Structures are given as C-alpha cells and as structure tokens.
Amino acid sequence: MPNGRIILLNGTSSSGKSTLAKALRAALVEPFCYYASDQLADGGFRAIKQKVLDACLSDERARFFDGFHRSIVSFAEAGNDILVEHIVEEASWAQQLQALFAPLDTFWVGVHAPLAEMERRERERGDRTIGEALYHLKTHDYCRYDIEVDTTKPSDSVVSSIIEAWRARPSASWRIS
C-alpha cells in the first residue's frame, strides 16, 4: 500500500485554518482524514494540569507535540491521505516536521489573514486569548510553503487555488486519483 499524502495547513490562531480545512476537505475529490492537535487536547488526551511546575508543563507540552508530529507520519505511512491543521510554534518543530515528512508527499499551505482581522476573530470567538494571533505570527518565519493563502478572500477562490496548486505539484504525477 502506498503512503498517504499530507496537506498541512499552518497559520496563526484565528487565521481561518479550521474553516479552510472544512471547505477544502469537502472540495477534494479524494477522501482526506482531518487531523489537528486540538482534537486530541479537546478530547482530554493531554495530561491534567494541576499545580504542576512550569518546567513539567513545558516538558509535557514538548512530549505532546513530538507525539502529534510523529502520529501524522504514522497515519500517512498507513496509507491515509491526511489534512492537518497546525500552528508550527517553534523553529525546532518546523525542522522536526521537515525531517519526518521528507519521504512523504507533503504539501505545505501557509494560512494568512491581516492581523486586525485575526484580532477581530479572537474577540468574536470568545474562546481565545487576545494576542494569540500576534504571538503566533512567528510561525511563518519557520516554514516554507508550496502555496500561501489569505482567508479574507472568497472561500471558493482560496480552496480552488490550493487544489490547483496541489494537483500541479511535481509529486502529483505519480498518484492523482
């Protein structure tokens, strides 16, 4: 069985990754599994944080994301096409992902929106810490993308541009469904 393919959406908090992932998944002809670290965290996977030293929380967080990154590869190696939503918060994460994904057909999408729009989304959502988007802007310094999109543009146009670029990638010729 051939390895699955990875489409990785990387962007700041409130950049529109989840909305884009949903629209992209619906528009792709091939079935793609959707995967995000929030699914694991929201499902109760992460360790319970009770009066733990900051160093322990930092270690737990590092272990969690190391496992998350490795699990992406495991799903792809099992033959699953996978659409991943992520915020690559550290340069070391970008380096790890590049190394882990090297043998796999991976397509990197940089998800952007103007800062004022992301801050507006943070306020409207009510479940974000104001300033997360600004803090996460550094993610784009760590990653090289196959395509970059602005989620304030019409959704159909953004999705179409991603699919068009994904299908035109060099590795697409060996496995277009």
C-alpha atoms as a PDB file:
ATOM      1  CA  MET A   1       0.000   0.000   0.000  1.00  0.00           C
ATOM      2  CA  PRO A   2       1.458   3.386  -0.911  1.00  0.00           C
ATOM      3  CA  ASN A   3       1.919   6.064   1.726  1.00  0.00           C
ATOM      4  CA  GLY A   4      -0.829   8.594   2.121  1.00  0.00           C
ATOM      5  CA  ARG A   5      -0.369  12.221   1.208  1.00  0.00           C
ATOM      6  CA  ILE A   6      -0.281  15.150   3.625  1.00  0.00           C
ATOM      7  CA  ILE A   7      -1.739  18.604   3.130  1.00  0.00           C
ATOM      8  CA  LEU A   8      -0.578  20.717   6.067  1.00  0.00           C
ATOM      9  CA  LEU A   9      -2.376  23.982   6.836  1.00  0.00           C
ATOM     10  CA  ASN A  10      -0.130  26.153   9.003  1.00  0.00           C
ATOM     11  CA  GLY A  11      -1.117  29.525  10.375  1.00  0.00           C
ATOM     12  CA  THR A  12      -1.686  31.555  13.475  1.00  0.00           C
ATOM     13  CA  SER A  13      -4.551  31.211  15.882  1.00  0.00           C
ATOM     14  CA  SER A  14      -7.705  32.698  14.301  1.00  0.00           C
ATOM     15  CA  SER A  15      -6.208  32.741  10.806  1.00  0.00           C
ATOM     16  CA  GLY A  16      -9.059  30.618   9.464  1.00  0.00           C
ATOM     17  CA  LYS A  17      -7.419  27.182   9.353  1.00  0.00           C
ATOM     18  CA  SER A  18     -10.419  25.225  10.684  1.00  0.00           C
ATOM     19  CA  THR A  19     -12.892  26.885   8.330  1.00  0.00           C
ATOM     20  CA  LEU A  20     -10.493  26.405   5.424  1.00  0.00           C
ATOM     21  CA  ALA A  21      -9.884  22.751   6.337  1.00  0.00           C
ATOM     22  CA  LYS A  22     -13.612  22.029   6.344  1.00  0.00           C
ATOM     23  CA  ALA A  23     -14.116  23.708   2.939  1.00  0.00           C
ATOM     24  CA  LEU A  24     -11.012  22.092   1.435  1.00  0.00           C
ATOM     25  CA  ARG A  25     -11.957  18.637   2.659  1.00  0.00           C
ATOM     26  CA  ALA A  26     -15.424  18.982   1.126  1.00  0.00           C
ATOM     27  CA  ALA A  27     -13.979  20.148  -2.200  1.00  0.00           C
ATOM     28  CA  LEU A  28     -11.306  17.460  -2.583  1.00  0.00           C
ATOM     29  CA  VAL A  29     -12.381  14.527  -4.726  1.00  0.00           C
ATOM     30  CA  GLU A  30     -10.220  12.123  -2.728  1.00  0.00           C
ATOM     31  CA  PRO A  31     -11.195  11.274   0.857  1.00  0.00           C
ATOM     32  CA  PHE A  32      -8.878  13.012   3.313  1.00  0.00           C
ATOM     33  CA  CYS A  33      -8.788  12.385   7.056  1.00  0.00           C
ATOM     34  CA  TYR A  34      -8.823  15.592   9.097  1.00  0.00           C
ATOM     35  CA  TYR A  35      -6.343  15.870  11.953  1.00  0.00           C
ATOM     36  CA  ALA A  36      -5.477  18.656  14.404  1.00  0.00           C
ATOM     37  CA  SER A  37      -3.763  18.738  17.778  1.00  0.00           C
ATOM     38  CA  ASP A  38      -6.872  20.446  19.173  1.00  0.00           C
ATOM     39  CA  GLN A  39      -8.825  17.229  18.554  1.00  0.00           C
ATOM     40  CA  LEU A  40      -6.534  15.407  20.962  1.00  0.00           C
ATOM     41  CA  ALA A  41      -6.375  18.218  23.502  1.00  0.00           C
ATOM     42  CA  ASP A  42     -10.144  18.851  23.422  1.00  0.00           C
ATOM     43  CA  GLY A  43     -10.758  15.121  23.727  1.00  0.00           C
ATOM     44  CA  GLY A  44      -8.869  15.040  27.013  1.00  0.00           C
ATOM     45  CA  PHE A  45      -5.685  13.439  25.727  1.00  0.00           C
ATOM     46  CA  ARG A  46      -3.243  15.862  27.318  1.00  0.00           C
ATOM     47  CA  ALA A  47      -2.147  15.462  30.917  1.00  0.00           C
ATOM     48  CA  ILE A  48      -4.284  17.209  33.524  1.00  0.00           C
ATOM     49  CA  LYS A  49      -2.556  20.382  34.668  1.00  0.00           C
ATOM     50  CA  GLN A  50      -2.907  20.533  38.450  1.00  0.00           C
ATOM     51  CA  LYS A  51      -0.455  22.734  40.299  1.00  0.00           C
ATOM     52  CA  VAL A  52       2.422  21.423  38.248  1.00  0.00           C
ATOM     53  CA  LEU A  53       5.706  23.265  37.898  1.00  0.00           C
ATOM     54  CA  ASP A  54       6.081  25.269  34.701  1.00  0.00           C
ATOM     55  CA  ALA A  55       9.055  23.090  33.705  1.00  0.00           C
ATOM     56  CA  CYS A  56       6.868  19.977  33.941  1.00  0.00           C
ATOM     57  CA  LEU A  57       4.154  21.622  31.839  1.00  0.00           C
ATOM     58  CA  SER A  58       6.770  22.601  29.285  1.00  0.00           C
ATOM     59  CA  ASP A  59       8.058  19.017  29.168  1.00  0.00           C
ATOM     60  CA  GLU A  60       4.522  17.658  28.834  1.00  0.00           C
ATOM     61  CA  ARG A  61       3.776  20.100  26.022  1.00  0.00           C
ATOM     62  CA  ALA A  62       7.000  19.170  24.208  1.00  0.00           C
ATOM     63  CA  ARG A  63       6.193  15.453  24.517  1.00  0.00           C
ATOM     64  CA  PHE A  64       2.624  16.032  23.339  1.00  0.00           C
ATOM     65  CA  PHE A  65       3.697  17.843  20.158  1.00  0.00           C
ATOM     66  CA  ASP A  66       6.536  15.401  19.487  1.00  0.00           C
ATOM     67  CA  GLY A  67       3.935  12.618  19.597  1.00  0.00           C
ATOM     68  CA  PHE A  68       1.472  14.605  17.496  1.00  0.00           C
ATOM     69  CA  HIS A  69       4.095  15.177  14.800  1.00  0.00           C
ATOM     70  CA  ARG A  70       5.068  11.509  14.756  1.00  0.00           C
ATOM     71  CA  SER A  71       1.427  10.436  14.631  1.00  0.00           C
ATOM     72  CA  ILE A  72       0.882  12.435  11.437  1.00  0.00           C
ATOM     73  CA  VAL A  73       3.600  10.336   9.813  1.00  0.00           C
ATOM     74  CA  SER A  74       2.131   7.103  11.194  1.00  0.00           C
ATOM     75  CA  PHE A  75      -1.275   7.863   9.714  1.00  0.00           C
ATOM     76  CA  ALA A  76       0.275   8.715   6.338  1.00  0.00           C
ATOM     77  CA  GLU A  77       2.511   5.635   6.357  1.00  0.00           C
ATOM     78  CA  ALA A  78      -0.602   3.529   6.970  1.00  0.00           C
ATOM     79  CA  GLY A  79      -1.917   4.824   3.628  1.00  0.00           C
ATOM     80  CA  ASN A  80      -4.194   7.599   4.857  1.00  0.00           C
ATOM     81  CA  ASP A  81      -4.416  10.869   2.958  1.00  0.00           C
ATOM     82  CA  ILE A  82      -4.444  13.414   5.757  1.00  0.00           C
ATOM     83  CA  LEU A  83      -5.356  17.096   6.016  1.00  0.00           C
ATOM     84  CA  VAL A  84      -3.520  18.535   9.010  1.00  0.00           C
ATOM     85  CA  GLU A  85      -4.260  21.801  10.775  1.00  0.00           C
ATOM     86  CA  HIS A  86      -1.345  23.118  12.834  1.00  0.00           C
ATOM     87  CA  ILE A  87       0.474  26.089  14.309  1.00  0.00           C
ATOM     88  CA  VAL A  88       4.204  25.415  13.979  1.00  0.00           C
ATOM     89  CA  GLU A  89       5.151  27.424  17.069  1.00  0.00           C
ATOM     90  CA  GLU A  90       8.868  26.685  17.227  1.00  0.00           C
ATOM     91  CA  ALA A  91      11.692  26.534  14.708  1.00  0.00           C
ATOM     92  CA  SER A  92      12.577  23.116  16.121  1.00  0.00           C
ATOM     93  CA  TRP A  93       9.064  21.894  15.279  1.00  0.00           C
ATOM     94  CA  ALA A  94       9.489  23.009  11.666  1.00  0.00           C
ATOM     95  CA  GLN A  95      12.834  21.209  11.484  1.00  0.00           C
ATOM     96  CA  GLN A  96      11.348  18.057  13.005  1.00  0.00           C
ATOM     97  CA  LEU A  97       8.395  18.099  10.614  1.00  0.00           C
ATOM     98  CA  GLN A  98      10.641  18.620   7.594  1.00  0.00           C
ATOM     99  CA  ALA A  99      12.753  15.623   8.632  1.00  0.00           C
ATOM    100  CA  LEU A 100       9.745  13.412   9.454  1.00  0.00           C
ATOM    101  CA  PHE A 101       7.891  14.353   6.256  1.00  0.00           C
ATOM    102  CA  ALA A 102      10.941  14.073   3.948  1.00  0.00           C
ATOM    103  CA  PRO A 103       9.969  10.674   2.488  1.00  0.00           C
ATOM    104  CA  LEU A 104       6.287  11.601   2.191  1.00  0.00           C
ATOM    105  CA  ASP A 105       4.271  13.560  -0.357  1.00  0.00           C
ATOM    106  CA  THR A 106       3.644  16.681   1.723  1.00  0.00           C
ATOM    107  CA  PHE A 107       2.081  19.945   0.584  1.00  0.00           C
ATOM    108  CA  TRP A 108       2.527  22.971   2.872  1.00  0.00           C
ATOM    109  CA  VAL A 109      -0.130  25.700   2.900  1.00  0.00           C
ATOM    110  CA  GLY A 110       0.566  28.990   4.681  1.00  0.00           C
ATOM    111  CA  VAL A 111      -2.739  30.320   6.034  1.00  0.00           C
ATOM    112  CA  HIS A 112      -2.808  34.099   6.490  1.00  0.00           C
ATOM    113  CA  ALA A 113      -5.200  36.899   7.326  1.00  0.00           C
ATOM    114  CA  PRO A 114      -4.486  40.523   8.224  1.00  0.00           C
ATOM    115  CA  LEU A 115      -3.663  40.928  11.918  1.00  0.00           C
ATOM    116  CA  ALA A 116      -6.637  43.240  12.504  1.00  0.00           C
ATOM    117  CA  GLU A 117      -8.957  40.561  11.103  1.00  0.00           C
ATOM    118  CA  MET A 118      -7.418  37.830  13.253  1.00  0.00           C
ATOM    119  CA  GLU A 119      -7.761  40.031  16.337  1.00  0.00           C
ATOM    120  CA  ARG A 120     -11.408  40.667  15.435  1.00  0.00           C
ATOM    121  CA  ARG A 121     -11.942  36.899  15.143  1.00  0.00           C
ATOM    122  CA  GLU A 122     -10.278  36.381  18.539  1.00  0.00           C
ATOM    123  CA  ARG A 123     -12.663  38.836  20.164  1.00  0.00           C
ATOM    124  CA  GLU A 124     -15.742  37.388  18.442  1.00  0.00           C
ATOM    125  CA  ARG A 125     -14.892  33.768  19.228  1.00  0.00           C
ATOM    126  CA  GLY A 126     -14.552  34.426  22.915  1.00  0.00           C
ATOM    127  CA  ASP A 127     -12.526  31.241  23.449  1.00  0.00           C
ATOM    128  CA  ARG A 128      -9.152  32.712  22.516  1.00  0.00           C
ATOM    129  CA  THR A 129      -6.694  34.744  24.487  1.00  0.00           C
ATOM    130  CA  ILE A 130      -6.433  38.146  22.866  1.00  0.00           C
ATOM    131  CA  GLY A 131      -2.946  38.400  21.432  1.00  0.00           C
ATOM    132  CA  GLU A 132      -2.544  34.724  20.442  1.00  0.00           C
ATOM    133  CA  ALA A 133      -2.637  35.555  16.741  1.00  0.00           C
ATOM    134  CA  LEU A 134       0.037  38.210  17.168  1.00  0.00           C
ATOM    135  CA  TYR A 135       2.192  35.802  19.188  1.00  0.00           C
ATOM    136  CA  HIS A 136       1.806  33.058  16.577  1.00  0.00           C
ATOM    137  CA  LEU A 137       2.842  35.246  13.623  1.00  0.00           C
ATOM    138  CA  LYS A 138       6.347  33.851  14.089  1.00  0.00           C
ATOM    139  CA  THR A 139       5.128  30.524  12.677  1.00  0.00           C
ATOM    140  CA  HIS A 140       5.526  31.873   9.158  1.00  0.00           C
ATOM    141  CA  ASP A 141       9.214  32.587   9.801  1.00  0.00           C
ATOM    142  CA  TYR A 142       9.848  28.866  10.319  1.00  0.00           C
ATOM    143  CA  CYS A 143       8.082  27.340   7.334  1.00  0.00           C
ATOM    144  CA  ARG A 144       8.430  27.234   3.572  1.00  0.00           C
ATOM    145  CA  TYR A 145       5.164  26.861   1.722  1.00  0.00           C
ATOM    146  CA  ASP A 146       4.005  25.388  -1.539  1.00  0.00           C
ATOM    147  CA  ILE A 147       1.228  27.994  -1.535  1.00  0.00           C
ATOM    148  CA  GLU A 148       0.139  30.845   0.737  1.00  0.00           C
ATOM    149  CA  VAL A 149      -3.461  31.997   1.017  1.00  0.00           C
ATOM    150  CA  ASP A 150      -5.399  34.839   2.613  1.00  0.00           C
ATOM    151  CA  THR A 151      -8.603  33.647   4.283  1.00  0.00           C
ATOM    152  CA  THR A 152     -10.263  37.048   3.910  1.00  0.00           C
ATOM    153  CA  LYS A 153     -10.564  36.281   0.186  1.00  0.00           C
ATOM    154  CA  PRO A 154     -13.648  34.371  -1.047  1.00  0.00           C
ATOM    155  CA  SER A 155     -13.532  30.815   0.278  1.00  0.00           C
ATOM    156  CA  ASP A 156     -14.233  29.162  -3.083  1.00  0.00           C
ATOM    157  CA  SER A 157     -11.340  31.048  -4.659  1.00  0.00           C
ATOM    158  CA  VAL A 158      -8.946  30.137  -1.836  1.00  0.00           C
ATOM    159  CA  VAL A 159      -9.929  26.468  -1.928  1.00  0.00           C
ATOM    160  CA  SER A 160      -9.661  26.340  -5.729  1.00  0.00           C
ATOM    161  CA  SER A 161      -6.195  27.899  -5.670  1.00  0.00           C
ATOM    162  CA  ILE A 162      -4.991  25.335  -3.116  1.00  0.00           C
ATOM    163  CA  ILE A 163      -6.397  22.381  -5.052  1.00  0.00           C
ATOM    164  CA  GLU A 164      -4.980  23.688  -8.333  1.00  0.00           C
ATOM    165  CA  ALA A 165      -1.504  24.131  -6.812  1.00  0.00           C
ATOM    166  CA  TRP A 166      -1.708  20.769  -5.047  1.00  0.00           C
ATOM    167  CA  ARG A 167      -2.600  18.941  -8.239  1.00  0.00           C
ATOM    168  CA  ALA A 168       0.219  20.729 -10.112  1.00  0.00           C
ATOM    169  CA  ARG A 169       2.935  19.760  -7.607  1.00  0.00           C
ATOM    170  CA  PRO A 170       5.749  17.621  -9.037  1.00  0.00           C
ATOM    171  CA  SER A 171       4.877  14.546  -6.949  1.00  0.00           C
ATOM    172  CA  ALA A 172       1.249  14.634  -8.129  1.00  0.00           C
ATOM    173  CA  SER A 173       2.027  12.905 -11.415  1.00  0.00           C
ATOM    174  CA  TRP A 174       2.509   9.508  -9.801  1.00  0.00           C
ATOM    175  CA  ARG A 175      -0.726   9.435  -7.833  1.00  0.00           C
ATOM    176  CA  ILE A 176      -3.631  11.553  -8.999  1.00  0.00           C
ATOM    177  CA  SER A 177      -6.933   9.905  -8.287  1.00  0.00           C
END
